[in-house]
Amino acid sequence: MATENQIAKSNRKPKYSSRKVNRCWKCGRRHGFMRAFALCRICFRELANRGEIPGIVKASW
């Protein structure tokens, strides 16, 4: 979980565009970020298991 200070710092416009930090909109985590959903892997899994992300189904074979 990211602190409010870390989230505020990553929301500022960076000096160089390559320094932009992608953060999960739910918890603020920056590692394991999935661009298509703007979520980290942990939050993605929680929401997918609850069925709150449309079109995402747990694989079974």
N, C-alpha and C. Protein backbone atom coordinates (compact mmCIF):
# COMPACT_ATOMS: atom_id res chain seq x y z
N MET A 1 0.84 -1.17 0.00
CA MET A 1 0.00 0.00 0.00
C MET A 1 0.89 1.24 0.00
N ALA A 2 0.62 2.13 -0.92
CA ALA A 2 1.41 3.35 -1.04
C ALA A 2 0.90 4.41 -0.07
N THR A 3 1.81 5.21 0.43
CA THR A 3 1.43 6.30 1.32
C THR A 3 0.87 7.45 0.50
N GLU A 4 0.18 8.37 1.17
CA GLU A 4 -0.39 9.53 0.47
C GLU A 4 0.71 10.37 -0.17
N ASN A 5 1.87 10.45 0.49
CA ASN A 5 2.99 11.22 -0.03
C ASN A 5 3.51 10.62 -1.34
N GLN A 6 3.62 9.28 -1.41
CA GLN A 6 4.11 8.63 -2.62
C GLN A 6 3.13 8.81 -3.77
N ILE A 7 1.85 8.73 -3.48
CA ILE A 7 0.84 8.91 -4.52
C ILE A 7 0.85 10.34 -5.03
N ALA A 8 0.96 11.30 -4.13
CA ALA A 8 1.00 12.72 -4.52
C ALA A 8 2.23 13.00 -5.38
N LYS A 9 3.36 12.42 -5.01
CA LYS A 9 4.60 12.63 -5.77
C LYS A 9 4.49 12.05 -7.18
N SER A 10 3.85 10.89 -7.32
CA SER A 10 3.73 10.28 -8.65
C SER A 10 2.68 10.98 -9.50
N ASN A 11 1.78 11.75 -8.90
CA ASN A 11 0.78 12.49 -9.66
C ASN A 11 1.33 13.77 -10.28
N ARG A 12 2.46 14.26 -9.75
CA ARG A 12 3.07 15.46 -10.31
C ARG A 12 3.64 15.19 -11.70
N LYS A 13 3.71 16.22 -12.51
CA LYS A 13 4.28 16.08 -13.85
C LYS A 13 5.79 15.90 -13.72
N PRO A 14 6.34 14.80 -14.28
CA PRO A 14 7.77 14.56 -14.16
C PRO A 14 8.59 15.48 -15.06
N LYS A 15 9.86 15.64 -14.73
CA LYS A 15 10.77 16.46 -15.52
C LYS A 15 10.95 15.86 -16.91
N TYR A 16 11.02 14.53 -16.97
CA TYR A 16 11.14 13.80 -18.23
C TYR A 16 9.99 12.80 -18.30
N SER A 17 9.43 12.61 -19.49
CA SER A 17 8.26 11.75 -19.63
C SER A 17 8.54 10.29 -19.28
N SER A 18 9.80 9.86 -19.39
CA SER A 18 10.13 8.47 -19.08
C SER A 18 10.12 8.19 -17.57
N ARG A 19 10.02 9.24 -16.76
CA ARG A 19 9.99 9.07 -15.31
C ARG A 19 8.58 8.89 -14.76
N LYS A 20 7.59 8.87 -15.62
CA LYS A 20 6.20 8.72 -15.18
C LYS A 20 6.03 7.38 -14.47
N VAL A 21 5.33 7.39 -13.34
CA VAL A 21 5.12 6.17 -12.56
C VAL A 21 3.66 5.77 -12.68
N ASN A 22 3.42 4.54 -13.13
CA ASN A 22 2.06 4.01 -13.19
C ASN A 22 1.72 3.39 -11.84
N ARG A 23 0.58 3.78 -11.29
CA ARG A 23 0.16 3.24 -10.00
C ARG A 23 -1.26 2.69 -10.10
N CYS A 24 -1.52 1.67 -9.31
CA CYS A 24 -2.85 1.07 -9.21
C CYS A 24 -3.81 2.13 -8.66
N TRP A 25 -4.98 2.26 -9.27
CA TRP A 25 -5.93 3.28 -8.81
C TRP A 25 -6.58 2.87 -7.50
N LYS A 26 -6.53 1.60 -7.17
CA LYS A 26 -7.20 1.13 -5.96
C LYS A 26 -6.30 1.21 -4.73
N CYS A 27 -5.05 0.73 -4.84
CA CYS A 27 -4.18 0.67 -3.65
C CYS A 27 -2.93 1.54 -3.77
N GLY A 28 -2.57 1.95 -4.99
CA GLY A 28 -1.41 2.81 -5.16
C GLY A 28 -0.12 2.06 -5.44
N ARG A 29 -0.18 0.74 -5.52
CA ARG A 29 1.01 -0.07 -5.77
C ARG A 29 1.56 0.22 -7.16
N ARG A 30 2.90 0.24 -7.31
CA ARG A 30 3.47 0.54 -8.63
C ARG A 30 4.08 -0.68 -9.32
N HIS A 31 4.41 -1.71 -8.58
CA HIS A 31 4.95 -2.93 -9.20
C HIS A 31 3.82 -3.88 -9.54
N GLY A 32 3.98 -4.65 -10.59
CA GLY A 32 2.95 -5.59 -11.01
C GLY A 32 1.75 -4.87 -11.59
N PHE A 33 1.98 -3.75 -12.26
CA PHE A 33 0.91 -2.90 -12.80
C PHE A 33 0.46 -3.43 -14.16
N MET A 34 -0.86 -3.51 -14.36
CA MET A 34 -1.42 -3.95 -15.64
C MET A 34 -2.07 -2.73 -16.31
N ARG A 35 -1.48 -2.30 -17.41
CA ARG A 35 -1.94 -1.07 -18.07
C ARG A 35 -3.37 -1.14 -18.54
N ALA A 36 -3.77 -2.28 -19.08
CA ALA A 36 -5.11 -2.40 -19.66
C ALA A 36 -6.21 -2.16 -18.63
N PHE A 37 -5.91 -2.42 -17.37
CA PHE A 37 -6.92 -2.28 -16.32
C PHE A 37 -6.58 -1.20 -15.31
N ALA A 38 -5.38 -0.65 -15.37
CA ALA A 38 -4.88 0.36 -14.42
C ALA A 38 -4.93 -0.17 -12.99
N LEU A 39 -4.64 -1.47 -12.85
CA LEU A 39 -4.65 -2.14 -11.55
C LEU A 39 -3.36 -2.91 -11.35
N CYS A 40 -3.00 -3.14 -10.09
CA CYS A 40 -1.88 -4.03 -9.81
C CYS A 40 -2.40 -5.47 -9.87
N ARG A 41 -1.51 -6.42 -9.89
CA ARG A 41 -1.90 -7.82 -10.04
C ARG A 41 -2.75 -8.31 -8.87
N ILE A 42 -2.50 -7.79 -7.69
CA ILE A 42 -3.23 -8.23 -6.50
C ILE A 42 -4.68 -7.75 -6.55
N CYS A 43 -4.86 -6.46 -6.83
CA CYS A 43 -6.22 -5.91 -6.92
C CYS A 43 -6.97 -6.50 -8.11
N PHE A 44 -6.26 -6.75 -9.21
CA PHE A 44 -6.88 -7.37 -10.38
C PHE A 44 -7.44 -8.74 -10.02
N ARG A 45 -6.66 -9.52 -9.30
CA ARG A 45 -7.10 -10.86 -8.93
C ARG A 45 -8.31 -10.81 -7.99
N GLU A 46 -8.28 -9.90 -7.02
CA GLU A 46 -9.41 -9.77 -6.10
C GLU A 46 -10.70 -9.42 -6.84
N LEU A 47 -10.62 -8.42 -7.72
CA LEU A 47 -11.81 -7.98 -8.46
C LEU A 47 -12.27 -9.04 -9.45
N ALA A 48 -11.33 -9.74 -10.10
CA ALA A 48 -11.69 -10.77 -11.06
C ALA A 48 -12.37 -11.95 -10.37
N ASN A 49 -11.89 -12.34 -9.21
CA ASN A 49 -12.50 -13.46 -8.48
C ASN A 49 -13.91 -13.12 -8.01
N ARG A 50 -14.16 -11.85 -7.72
CA ARG A 50 -15.50 -11.42 -7.31
C ARG A 50 -16.41 -11.19 -8.51
N GLY A 51 -15.84 -11.21 -9.73
CA GLY A 51 -16.63 -11.01 -10.94
C GLY A 51 -16.95 -9.56 -11.22
N GLU A 52 -16.13 -8.64 -10.72
CA GLU A 52 -16.40 -7.22 -10.89
C GLU A 52 -15.74 -6.61 -12.11
N ILE A 53 -14.92 -7.40 -12.83
CA ILE A 53 -14.31 -6.92 -14.06
C ILE A 53 -15.02 -7.63 -15.22
N PRO A 54 -15.75 -6.90 -16.05
CA PRO A 54 -16.50 -7.53 -17.13
C PRO A 54 -15.59 -8.22 -18.13
N GLY A 55 -15.97 -9.41 -18.54
CA GLY A 55 -15.22 -10.16 -19.55
C GLY A 55 -14.08 -10.99 -19.03
N ILE A 56 -13.79 -10.94 -17.74
CA ILE A 56 -12.69 -11.69 -17.16
C ILE A 56 -13.26 -12.91 -16.44
N VAL A 57 -12.81 -14.09 -16.86
CA VAL A 57 -13.28 -15.34 -16.28
C VAL A 57 -12.07 -16.16 -15.86
N LYS A 58 -12.13 -16.78 -14.70
CA LYS A 58 -11.03 -17.61 -14.23
C LYS A 58 -10.90 -18.82 -15.16
N ALA A 59 -9.68 -19.12 -15.56
CA ALA A 59 -9.43 -20.22 -16.48
C ALA A 59 -9.60 -21.56 -15.77
N SER A 60 -10.16 -22.51 -16.47
CA SER A 60 -10.23 -23.88 -15.96
C SER A 60 -10.22 -24.81 -17.18
N TRP A 61 -9.35 -25.81 -17.12
CA TRP A 61 -9.25 -26.76 -18.23
C TRP A 61 -8.89 -28.12 -17.74
